[in-house]
Amino acid sequence: MSQADPRQQVLNRLRRARGQLNAVIDMVEQERSCKEIITQLAAVSKALDRAGFKIISENIQECVVRDGEPDGDGVTLDELEKLFLSLA
């Protein structure tokens, strides 16, 4: 069994989150219970967080620049820490 392309894994997670968000919207329109809506909304949030962590973890070497100097799309270690914390 081969492992899926990391980009495809991220896309799958984002599509799943989109489907869950559509379900939350439907639930609000149907005036479903607060507990059901919040439970589903938490699932959306977790799916988005996992997609973000996957993006960072799969691209960490490309994201971090050498010598602490940003170059192009690279980030410093401090910036990378802030990215992780923004998902926490």
Protein backbone atom coordinates (compact mmCIF):
# COMPACT_ATOMS: atom_id res chain seq x y z
CA MET A 1 0.00 0.00 0.00
CA SER A 2 1.60 3.28 -1.09
CA GLN A 3 1.20 6.43 0.91
CA ALA A 4 -0.75 9.21 -0.78
CA ASP A 5 0.95 12.37 -1.98
CA PRO A 6 1.16 14.87 0.93
CA ARG A 7 -0.50 17.54 -1.22
CA GLN A 8 -3.39 15.17 -1.91
CA GLN A 9 -3.66 14.37 1.80
CA VAL A 10 -4.00 18.08 2.58
CA LEU A 11 -6.61 18.51 -0.15
CA ASN A 12 -8.56 15.55 1.20
CA ARG A 13 -8.54 17.04 4.71
CA LEU A 14 -9.68 20.42 3.39
CA ARG A 15 -12.47 18.85 1.34
CA ARG A 16 -13.61 16.92 4.38
CA ALA A 17 -13.63 20.14 6.41
CA ARG A 18 -15.62 21.87 3.68
CA GLY A 19 -18.21 19.10 3.79
CA GLN A 20 -18.39 19.32 7.57
CA LEU A 21 -18.80 23.10 7.39
CA ASN A 22 -21.63 22.70 4.88
CA ALA A 23 -23.25 20.31 7.37
CA VAL A 24 -22.89 22.90 10.16
CA ILE A 25 -24.54 25.56 7.98
CA ASP A 26 -27.41 23.17 7.26
CA MET A 27 -27.75 22.41 10.96
CA VAL A 28 -27.98 26.11 11.85
CA GLU A 29 -30.58 26.64 9.12
CA GLN A 30 -32.55 23.68 10.47
CA GLU A 31 -32.27 25.09 14.01
CA ARG A 32 -30.66 21.93 15.33
CA SER A 33 -29.50 21.74 18.94
CA CYS A 34 -26.58 23.82 20.15
CA LYS A 35 -24.76 20.66 21.25
CA GLU A 36 -24.99 19.09 17.78
CA ILE A 37 -23.85 22.28 16.05
CA ILE A 38 -20.89 22.86 18.37
CA THR A 39 -19.81 19.23 18.13
CA GLN A 40 -19.79 19.42 14.35
CA LEU A 41 -18.11 22.83 14.38
CA ALA A 42 -15.34 21.42 16.58
CA ALA A 43 -14.81 18.68 13.98
CA VAL A 44 -14.43 21.32 11.27
CA SER A 45 -11.91 23.21 13.36
CA LYS A 46 -9.91 20.05 14.05
CA ALA A 47 -9.89 19.12 10.36
CA LEU A 48 -8.58 22.57 9.43
CA ASP A 49 -5.92 22.43 12.15
CA ARG A 50 -4.77 19.02 10.95
CA ALA A 51 -4.50 20.31 7.40
CA GLY A 52 -2.38 23.22 8.64
CA PHE A 53 -0.11 20.96 10.67
CA LYS A 54 0.23 18.62 7.69
CA ILE A 55 1.26 21.51 5.46
CA ILE A 56 3.89 22.65 7.95
CA SER A 57 5.20 19.17 8.77
CA GLU A 58 5.50 18.10 5.14
CA ASN A 59 7.23 21.31 4.12
CA ILE A 60 9.23 22.13 7.23
CA GLN A 61 12.59 21.96 5.50
CA GLU A 62 11.33 24.20 2.72
CA CYS A 63 9.64 26.57 5.17
CA VAL A 64 12.65 27.16 7.40
CA VAL A 65 15.48 29.24 6.01
CA ARG A 66 19.11 28.91 6.89
CA ASP A 67 20.96 31.49 8.97
CA GLY A 68 17.70 33.00 10.23
CA GLU A 69 17.36 35.24 7.19
CA PRO A 70 14.06 35.05 5.28
CA ASP A 71 14.50 34.45 1.57
CA GLY A 72 11.47 34.27 -0.70
CA ASP A 73 8.77 32.16 0.92
CA GLY A 74 10.98 30.87 3.73
CA VAL A 75 10.42 31.68 7.39
CA THR A 76 12.69 31.95 10.39
CA LEU A 77 12.43 29.50 13.28
CA ASP A 78 10.62 32.19 15.31
CA GLU A 79 8.09 32.62 12.51
CA LEU A 80 7.65 28.86 12.24
CA GLU A 81 6.93 28.68 15.97
CA LYS A 82 4.29 31.38 15.54
CA LEU A 83 2.72 29.39 12.69
CA PHE A 84 2.48 26.30 14.91
CA LEU A 85 1.07 28.31 17.80
CA SER A 86 -1.51 29.94 15.54
CA LEU A 87 -2.94 26.46 14.96
CA ALA A 88 -2.85 25.46 18.62
